[in-house]
Amino acid sequence: MTAEQVADYLRNNPDFFVGRDELLRSLTLPHDSGRAISLVERQVHLYREQRDTLRHELVELVSIARQNDRLFEKSKRLLMQVIEARNLTEMAAAIDDSIRGDFGLDAASVMLVGGELPAGSTTGALHVVSEADAEKNLGALLDGDRAVCGQFREADRNFLFPGRDEPVASVALVPLRTDRLIGVFAVGSCQPGYFDQSMGSLFLSYISDTLSRLLPPMLQRHRQVEPVLDAVAESR
């Protein structure tokens, strides 16, 4: 019989060694250490390696689950503050405070293209830019529907986070897009390489989806209330 025929027979008869303990003990296999060990010892060794691998994977899964729980709680607190904001100023302050304080990042930016506010206006983390400036600096990022992470070009980072003393070195960005709104939501870190393409973006996308729906009515209220406030100020 050839070795392949023996192997085929054992594959087709996996219970062949049942009741043949002495035969199992007499079979030897080469080991990493160089010495020959019995088939039983080899199986035990493989089972231990498999156990250690599974244990390591379980520890990693538990760690990821705990991290996701923390991210979910932070995201929920941020969105609750945004929902409770009475105007754009409070919304921008809530986003900025949460991203820098709760998430421990260095910068946040909600950049809107045109819309209900004049281009060039800034309220905390909220910036309004013209369509021409957005196309020049963000280009295809405005047309996407997925988060993008990386270091970006210096000009793009400065455009997203204007007026900073310490420049942002790494960015995570996701488009804000509905029928009534075009823009981006970006968070930044001064640490190079903090964000990279391999990072998950579930919670960033979750926040941006909520902002995409909350901002249009907020902007509409701002457009209705601001002229009234200006008129009251002028009457004084």
C-alpha atoms as a PDB file:
ATOM      1  CA  MET A   1       0.000   0.000   0.000  1.00  0.00           C
ATOM      2  CA  THR A   2       1.120   3.522  -0.688  1.00  0.00           C
ATOM      3  CA  ALA A   3       1.198   6.276   1.922  1.00  0.00           C
ATOM      4  CA  GLU A   4      -1.682   8.015   0.144  1.00  0.00           C
ATOM      5  CA  GLN A   5      -3.798   4.864   0.303  1.00  0.00           C
ATOM      6  CA  VAL A   6      -3.153   4.631   4.052  1.00  0.00           C
ATOM      7  CA  ALA A   7      -4.081   8.300   4.453  1.00  0.00           C
ATOM      8  CA  ASP A   8      -7.297   7.795   2.443  1.00  0.00           C
ATOM      9  CA  TYR A   9      -8.217   4.782   4.545  1.00  0.00           C
ATOM     10  CA  LEU A  10      -7.730   6.711   7.805  1.00  0.00           C
ATOM     11  CA  ARG A  11      -9.752   9.642   6.461  1.00  0.00           C
ATOM     12  CA  ASN A  12     -12.581   7.266   5.565  1.00  0.00           C
ATOM     13  CA  ASN A  13     -12.315   5.461   8.898  1.00  0.00           C
ATOM     14  CA  PRO A  14     -11.761   8.166  11.523  1.00  0.00           C
ATOM     15  CA  ASP A  15     -12.642   5.739  14.339  1.00  0.00           C
ATOM     16  CA  PHE A  16      -9.907   3.274  13.337  1.00  0.00           C
ATOM     17  CA  PHE A  17      -7.816   4.009  16.450  1.00  0.00           C
ATOM     18  CA  VAL A  18     -10.750   3.550  18.836  1.00  0.00           C
ATOM     19  CA  GLY A  19      -9.789   0.686  21.119  1.00  0.00           C
ATOM     20  CA  ARG A  20      -6.208   0.638  19.795  1.00  0.00           C
ATOM     21  CA  ASP A  21      -4.562   2.757  22.497  1.00  0.00           C
ATOM     22  CA  GLU A  22      -1.317   0.789  22.387  1.00  0.00           C
ATOM     23  CA  LEU A  23      -1.010   1.453  18.653  1.00  0.00           C
ATOM     24  CA  LEU A  24      -1.566   5.173  19.237  1.00  0.00           C
ATOM     25  CA  ARG A  25       1.165   5.276  21.880  1.00  0.00           C
ATOM     26  CA  SER A  26       3.611   3.489  19.591  1.00  0.00           C
ATOM     27  CA  LEU A  27       3.178   5.985  16.733  1.00  0.00           C
ATOM     28  CA  THR A  28       5.628   8.884  16.805  1.00  0.00           C
ATOM     29  CA  LEU A  29       5.717  12.255  15.057  1.00  0.00           C
ATOM     30  CA  PRO A  30       8.478  14.854  14.745  1.00  0.00           C
ATOM     31  CA  HIS A  31       8.071  17.833  17.055  1.00  0.00           C
ATOM     32  CA  ASP A  32       9.294  21.425  16.842  1.00  0.00           C
ATOM     33  CA  SER A  33      11.843  20.609  19.529  1.00  0.00           C
ATOM     34  CA  GLY A  34      13.375  17.947  17.269  1.00  0.00           C
ATOM     35  CA  ARG A  35      12.441  14.963  19.425  1.00  0.00           C
ATOM     36  CA  ALA A  36       9.839  12.376  18.430  1.00  0.00           C
ATOM     37  CA  ILE A  37       6.573  12.346  20.370  1.00  0.00           C
ATOM     38  CA  SER A  38       3.567  10.045  20.345  1.00  0.00           C
ATOM     39  CA  LEU A  39       0.482  10.827  18.305  1.00  0.00           C
ATOM     40  CA  VAL A  40      -1.483  11.365  21.516  1.00  0.00           C
ATOM     41  CA  GLU A  41       1.072  13.884  22.771  1.00  0.00           C
ATOM     42  CA  ARG A  42       0.947  15.651  19.416  1.00  0.00           C
ATOM     43  CA  GLN A  43      -2.835  15.872  19.567  1.00  0.00           C
ATOM     44  CA  VAL A  44      -2.721  17.251  23.095  1.00  0.00           C
ATOM     45  CA  HIS A  45      -0.163  19.816  21.975  1.00  0.00           C
ATOM     46  CA  LEU A  46      -2.375  20.902  19.052  1.00  0.00           C
ATOM     47  CA  TYR A  47      -5.446  21.123  21.289  1.00  0.00           C
ATOM     48  CA  ARG A  48      -3.546  23.344  23.718  1.00  0.00           C
ATOM     49  CA  GLU A  49      -2.418  25.631  20.894  1.00  0.00           C
ATOM     50  CA  GLN A  50      -5.987  25.847  19.629  1.00  0.00           C
ATOM     51  CA  ARG A  51      -7.239  26.580  23.146  1.00  0.00           C
ATOM     52  CA  ASP A  52      -4.691  29.372  23.612  1.00  0.00           C
ATOM     53  CA  THR A  53      -5.593  30.878  20.238  1.00  0.00           C
ATOM     54  CA  LEU A  54      -9.312  30.811  21.026  1.00  0.00           C
ATOM     55  CA  ARG A  55      -8.683  32.301  24.466  1.00  0.00           C
ATOM     56  CA  HIS A  56      -6.672  35.137  22.924  1.00  0.00           C
ATOM     57  CA  GLU A  57      -9.409  35.804  20.351  1.00  0.00           C
ATOM     58  CA  LEU A  58     -12.047  35.833  23.094  1.00  0.00           C
ATOM     59  CA  VAL A  59     -10.066  38.380  25.109  1.00  0.00           C
ATOM     60  CA  GLU A  60      -9.804  40.577  22.004  1.00  0.00           C
ATOM     61  CA  LEU A  61     -13.533  40.294  21.315  1.00  0.00           C
ATOM     62  CA  VAL A  62     -14.394  41.245  24.894  1.00  0.00           C
ATOM     63  CA  SER A  63     -12.029  44.228  24.684  1.00  0.00           C
ATOM     64  CA  ILE A  64     -13.615  45.379  21.411  1.00  0.00           C
ATOM     65  CA  ALA A  65     -17.100  44.970  22.883  1.00  0.00           C
ATOM     66  CA  ARG A  66     -16.189  47.096  25.907  1.00  0.00           C
ATOM     67  CA  GLN A  67     -14.662  49.752  23.666  1.00  0.00           C
ATOM     68  CA  ASN A  68     -17.805  49.804  21.528  1.00  0.00           C
ATOM     69  CA  ASP A  69     -19.935  50.178  24.654  1.00  0.00           C
ATOM     70  CA  ARG A  70     -17.908  53.224  25.679  1.00  0.00           C
ATOM     71  CA  LEU A  71     -18.147  54.727  22.176  1.00  0.00           C
ATOM     72  CA  PHE A  72     -21.886  54.138  22.124  1.00  0.00           C
ATOM     73  CA  GLU A  73     -22.367  55.905  25.465  1.00  0.00           C
ATOM     74  CA  LYS A  74     -20.275  58.873  24.317  1.00  0.00           C
ATOM     75  CA  SER A  75     -22.145  59.045  21.013  1.00  0.00           C
ATOM     76  CA  LYS A  76     -25.478  58.880  22.799  1.00  0.00           C
ATOM     77  CA  ARG A  77     -24.530  61.709  25.168  1.00  0.00           C
ATOM     78  CA  LEU A  78     -23.389  63.851  22.241  1.00  0.00           C
ATOM     79  CA  LEU A  79     -26.567  63.277  20.249  1.00  0.00           C
ATOM     80  CA  MET A  80     -28.779  63.950  23.259  1.00  0.00           C
ATOM     81  CA  GLN A  81     -27.020  67.292  23.753  1.00  0.00           C
ATOM     82  CA  VAL A  82     -27.404  68.106  20.052  1.00  0.00           C
ATOM     83  CA  ILE A  83     -31.105  67.195  20.103  1.00  0.00           C
ATOM     84  CA  GLU A  84     -31.678  69.387  23.178  1.00  0.00           C
ATOM     85  CA  ALA A  85     -29.833  72.378  21.654  1.00  0.00           C
ATOM     86  CA  ARG A  86     -32.156  75.335  21.119  1.00  0.00           C
ATOM     87  CA  ASN A  87     -30.127  77.026  18.401  1.00  0.00           C
ATOM     88  CA  LEU A  88     -27.064  76.644  16.183  1.00  0.00           C
ATOM     89  CA  THR A  89     -24.761  78.183  18.780  1.00  0.00           C
ATOM     90  CA  GLU A  90     -25.719  75.603  21.411  1.00  0.00           C
ATOM     91  CA  MET A  91     -25.481  72.798  18.863  1.00  0.00           C
ATOM     92  CA  ALA A  92     -21.991  73.850  17.771  1.00  0.00           C
ATOM     93  CA  ALA A  93     -20.867  74.184  21.407  1.00  0.00           C
ATOM     94  CA  ALA A  94     -22.226  70.726  22.285  1.00  0.00           C
ATOM     95  CA  ILE A  95     -20.380  69.123  19.372  1.00  0.00           C
ATOM     96  CA  ASP A  96     -17.121  70.892  20.158  1.00  0.00           C
ATOM     97  CA  ASP A  97     -17.269  70.149  23.903  1.00  0.00           C
ATOM     98  CA  SER A  98     -18.162  66.484  23.417  1.00  0.00           C
ATOM     99  CA  ILE A  99     -15.541  65.730  20.760  1.00  0.00           C
ATOM    100  CA  ARG A 100     -12.728  67.427  22.688  1.00  0.00           C
ATOM    101  CA  GLY A 101     -13.845  66.538  26.217  1.00  0.00           C
ATOM    102  CA  ASP A 102     -15.683  63.215  26.042  1.00  0.00           C
ATOM    103  CA  PHE A 103     -13.937  61.660  23.044  1.00  0.00           C
ATOM    104  CA  GLY A 104     -10.530  63.139  23.896  1.00  0.00           C
ATOM    105  CA  LEU A 105      -9.867  64.440  20.374  1.00  0.00           C
ATOM    106  CA  ASP A 106      -8.381  67.807  19.465  1.00  0.00           C
ATOM    107  CA  ALA A 107     -10.885  69.297  17.023  1.00  0.00           C
ATOM    108  CA  ALA A 108     -14.348  68.985  15.525  1.00  0.00           C
ATOM    109  CA  SER A 109     -15.816  70.609  12.458  1.00  0.00           C
ATOM    110  CA  VAL A 110     -19.277  70.657  10.934  1.00  0.00           C
ATOM    111  CA  MET A 111     -18.778  72.279   7.543  1.00  0.00           C
ATOM    112  CA  LEU A 112     -21.858  73.213   5.522  1.00  0.00           C
ATOM    113  CA  VAL A 113     -21.875  74.205   1.866  1.00  0.00           C
ATOM    114  CA  GLY A 114     -24.021  77.306   1.245  1.00  0.00           C
ATOM    115  CA  GLY A 115     -27.379  76.660   2.809  1.00  0.00           C
ATOM    116  CA  GLU A 116     -29.314  78.997   5.045  1.00  0.00           C
ATOM    117  CA  LEU A 117     -26.255  80.881   6.362  1.00  0.00           C
ATOM    118  CA  PRO A 118     -23.946  83.245   4.483  1.00  0.00           C
ATOM    119  CA  ALA A 119     -20.663  81.715   3.345  1.00  0.00           C
ATOM    120  CA  GLY A 120     -17.811  82.543   5.698  1.00  0.00           C
ATOM    121  CA  SER A 121     -19.887  82.534   8.879  1.00  0.00           C
ATOM    122  CA  THR A 122     -18.557  80.501  11.805  1.00  0.00           C
ATOM    123  CA  THR A 123     -20.181  79.449  15.055  1.00  0.00           C
ATOM    124  CA  GLY A 124     -17.834  77.336  17.162  1.00  0.00           C
ATOM    125  CA  ALA A 125     -17.436  74.008  15.371  1.00  0.00           C
ATOM    126  CA  LEU A 126     -19.931  75.051  12.679  1.00  0.00           C
ATOM    127  CA  HIS A 127     -18.522  76.588   9.487  1.00  0.00           C
ATOM    128  CA  VAL A 128     -20.295  77.678   6.319  1.00  0.00           C
ATOM    129  CA  VAL A 129     -18.348  77.779   3.051  1.00  0.00           C
ATOM    130  CA  SER A 130     -19.200  78.575  -0.531  1.00  0.00           C
ATOM    131  CA  GLU A 131     -19.744  75.828  -3.057  1.00  0.00           C
ATOM    132  CA  ALA A 132     -16.667  76.959  -4.988  1.00  0.00           C
ATOM    133  CA  ASP A 133     -14.408  76.754  -1.913  1.00  0.00           C
ATOM    134  CA  ALA A 134     -15.862  73.376  -0.967  1.00  0.00           C
ATOM    135  CA  GLU A 135     -15.237  71.924  -4.425  1.00  0.00           C
ATOM    136  CA  LYS A 136     -11.706  73.339  -4.482  1.00  0.00           C
ATOM    137  CA  ASN A 137     -10.687  71.979  -1.091  1.00  0.00           C
ATOM    138  CA  LEU A 138     -12.863  68.897  -0.574  1.00  0.00           C
ATOM    139  CA  GLY A 139     -13.698  67.805  -4.120  1.00  0.00           C
ATOM    140  CA  ALA A 140     -14.850  64.193  -4.311  1.00  0.00           C
ATOM    141  CA  LEU A 141     -15.184  63.935  -0.519  1.00  0.00           C
ATOM    142  CA  LEU A 142     -18.476  65.825  -0.825  1.00  0.00           C
ATOM    143  CA  ASP A 143     -19.881  63.259  -3.248  1.00  0.00           C
ATOM    144  CA  GLY A 144     -19.028  60.181  -1.194  1.00  0.00           C
ATOM    145  CA  ASP A 145     -21.214  58.397   1.306  1.00  0.00           C
ATOM    146  CA  ARG A 146     -18.572  56.704   3.456  1.00  0.00           C
ATOM    147  CA  ALA A 147     -16.196  57.889   6.143  1.00  0.00           C
ATOM    148  CA  VAL A 148     -12.618  58.631   5.115  1.00  0.00           C
ATOM    149  CA  CYS A 149      -9.728  58.484   7.590  1.00  0.00           C
ATOM    150  CA  GLY A 150      -6.140  59.575   7.133  1.00  0.00           C
ATOM    151  CA  GLN A 151      -3.686  62.442   7.304  1.00  0.00           C
ATOM    152  CA  PHE A 152      -5.084  64.409   4.328  1.00  0.00           C
ATOM    153  CA  ARG A 153      -3.195  67.259   2.682  1.00  0.00           C
ATOM    154  CA  GLU A 154      -2.125  70.168   4.863  1.00  0.00           C
ATOM    155  CA  ALA A 155      -4.318  72.583   2.888  1.00  0.00           C
ATOM    156  CA  ASP A 156      -7.353  70.325   3.384  1.00  0.00           C
ATOM    157  CA  ARG A 157      -6.718  70.027   7.123  1.00  0.00           C
ATOM    158  CA  ASN A 158      -6.402  73.792   7.476  1.00  0.00           C
ATOM    159  CA  PHE A 159      -9.604  74.262   5.497  1.00  0.00           C
ATOM    160  CA  LEU A 160     -11.549  71.829   7.684  1.00  0.00           C
ATOM    161  CA  PHE A 161     -10.202  73.221  10.964  1.00  0.00           C
ATOM    162  CA  PRO A 162      -9.493  76.927  10.388  1.00  0.00           C
ATOM    163  CA  GLY A 163      -7.839  79.291  12.846  1.00  0.00           C
ATOM    164  CA  ARG A 164      -6.067  76.715  14.994  1.00  0.00           C
ATOM    165  CA  ASP A 165      -2.804  77.467  16.805  1.00  0.00           C
ATOM    166  CA  GLU A 166      -1.818  73.781  16.828  1.00  0.00           C
ATOM    167  CA  PRO A 167      -2.422  72.188  13.420  1.00  0.00           C
ATOM    168  CA  VAL A 168      -4.463  69.022  13.056  1.00  0.00           C
ATOM    169  CA  ALA A 169      -2.365  66.137  11.756  1.00  0.00           C
ATOM    170  CA  SER A 170      -4.914  63.334  11.279  1.00  0.00           C
ATOM    171  CA  VAL A 171      -8.564  63.466  10.215  1.00  0.00           C
ATOM    172  CA  ALA A 172     -11.678  61.304  10.144  1.00  0.00           C
ATOM    173  CA  LEU A 173     -14.376  62.731   7.874  1.00  0.00           C
ATOM    174  CA  VAL A 174     -17.837  61.640   6.809  1.00  0.00           C
ATOM    175  CA  PRO A 175     -20.186  63.482   4.409  1.00  0.00           C
ATOM    176  CA  LEU A 176     -23.402  65.105   5.599  1.00  0.00           C
ATOM    177  CA  ARG A 177     -25.915  64.698   2.819  1.00  0.00           C
ATOM    178  CA  THR A 178     -29.687  64.826   2.594  1.00  0.00           C
ATOM    179  CA  ASP A 179     -32.090  66.393   0.104  1.00  0.00           C
ATOM    180  CA  ARG A 180     -31.723  69.689   1.964  1.00  0.00           C
ATOM    181  CA  LEU A 181     -28.132  69.653   3.163  1.00  0.00           C
ATOM    182  CA  ILE A 182     -24.603  69.216   1.819  1.00  0.00           C
ATOM    183  CA  GLY A 183     -21.549  69.260   4.049  1.00  0.00           C
ATOM    184  CA  VAL A 184     -19.099  67.195   6.076  1.00  0.00           C
ATOM    185  CA  PHE A 185     -18.567  66.248   9.688  1.00  0.00           C
ATOM    186  CA  ALA A 186     -14.909  65.906  10.619  1.00  0.00           C
ATOM    187  CA  VAL A 187     -12.928  65.177  13.771  1.00  0.00           C
ATOM    188  CA  GLY A 188      -9.211  65.736  14.085  1.00  0.00           C
ATOM    189  CA  SER A 189      -6.192  64.773  16.154  1.00  0.00           C
ATOM    190  CA  CYS A 190      -2.859  66.559  16.464  1.00  0.00           C
ATOM    191  CA  GLN A 191      -1.200  63.142  16.594  1.00  0.00           C
ATOM    192  CA  PRO A 192      -0.039  61.990  13.129  1.00  0.00           C
ATOM    193  CA  GLY A 193      -1.457  58.611  12.160  1.00  0.00           C
ATOM    194  CA  TYR A 194      -4.161  58.670  14.851  1.00  0.00           C
ATOM    195  CA  PHE A 195      -6.754  57.963  12.164  1.00  0.00           C
ATOM    196  CA  ASP A 196      -6.068  55.523   9.332  1.00  0.00           C
ATOM    197  CA  GLN A 197      -8.075  53.736   6.661  1.00  0.00           C
ATOM    198  CA  SER A 198      -8.273  50.509   8.684  1.00  0.00           C
ATOM    199  CA  MET A 199     -10.248  52.143  11.493  1.00  0.00           C
ATOM    200  CA  GLY A 200     -13.955  51.453  11.869  1.00  0.00           C
ATOM    201  CA  SER A 201     -16.318  54.350  11.303  1.00  0.00           C
ATOM    202  CA  LEU A 202     -19.662  53.015  12.541  1.00  0.00           C
ATOM    203  CA  PHE A 203     -20.124  55.559  15.321  1.00  0.00           C
ATOM    204  CA  LEU A 204     -18.841  58.462  13.213  1.00  0.00           C
ATOM    205  CA  SER A 205     -21.389  57.569  10.528  1.00  0.00           C
ATOM    206  CA  TYR A 206     -24.088  57.217  13.179  1.00  0.00           C
ATOM    207  CA  ILE A 207     -23.411  60.738  14.457  1.00  0.00           C
ATOM    208  CA  SER A 208     -23.276  62.197  10.941  1.00  0.00           C
ATOM    209  CA  ASP A 209     -26.573  60.549   9.948  1.00  0.00           C
ATOM    210  CA  THR A 210     -28.251  62.145  12.947  1.00  0.00           C
ATOM    211  CA  LEU A 211     -26.699  65.559  12.255  1.00  0.00           C
ATOM    212  CA  SER A 212     -27.867  65.344   8.634  1.00  0.00           C
ATOM    213  CA  ARG A 213     -31.437  65.142   9.864  1.00  0.00           C
ATOM    214  CA  LEU A 214     -31.230  67.634  12.731  1.00  0.00           C
ATOM    215  CA  LEU A 215     -29.394  70.439  10.934  1.00  0.00           C
ATOM    216  CA  PRO A 216     -31.955  71.353   8.199  1.00  0.00           C
ATOM    217  CA  PRO A 217     -34.797  72.244  10.608  1.00  0.00           C
ATOM    218  CA  MET A 218     -32.282  73.957  12.903  1.00  0.00           C
ATOM    219  CA  LEU A 219     -31.035  76.075   9.992  1.00  0.00           C
ATOM    220  CA  GLN A 220     -34.618  76.863   8.998  1.00  0.00           C
ATOM    221  CA  ARG A 221     -35.410  78.102  12.508  1.00  0.00           C
ATOM    222  CA  HIS A 222     -32.209  80.144  12.487  1.00  0.00           C
ATOM    223  CA  ARG A 223     -33.229  81.809   9.206  1.00  0.00           C
ATOM    224  CA  GLN A 224     -36.624  82.697  10.664  1.00  0.00           C
ATOM    225  CA  VAL A 225     -35.417  83.912  14.062  1.00  0.00           C
ATOM    226  CA  GLU A 226     -32.247  85.805  13.100  1.00  0.00           C
ATOM    227  CA  PRO A 227     -33.997  88.615  11.160  1.00  0.00           C
ATOM    228  CA  VAL A 228     -36.323  89.154  14.116  1.00  0.00           C
ATOM    229  CA  LEU A 229     -33.377  89.452  16.506  1.00  0.00           C
ATOM    230  CA  ASP A 230     -31.633  91.877  14.135  1.00  0.00           C
ATOM    231  CA  ALA A 231     -34.752  94.010  13.924  1.00  0.00           C
ATOM    232  CA  VAL A 232     -35.060  94.123  17.735  1.00  0.00           C
ATOM    233  CA  ALA A 233     -31.395  95.087  18.037  1.00  0.00           C
ATOM    234  CA  GLU A 234     -31.796  97.878  15.495  1.00  0.00           C
ATOM    235  CA  SER A 235     -34.889  99.252  17.262  1.00  0.00           C
ATOM    236  CA  ARG A 236     -32.846  99.707  20.388  1.00  0.00           C
END
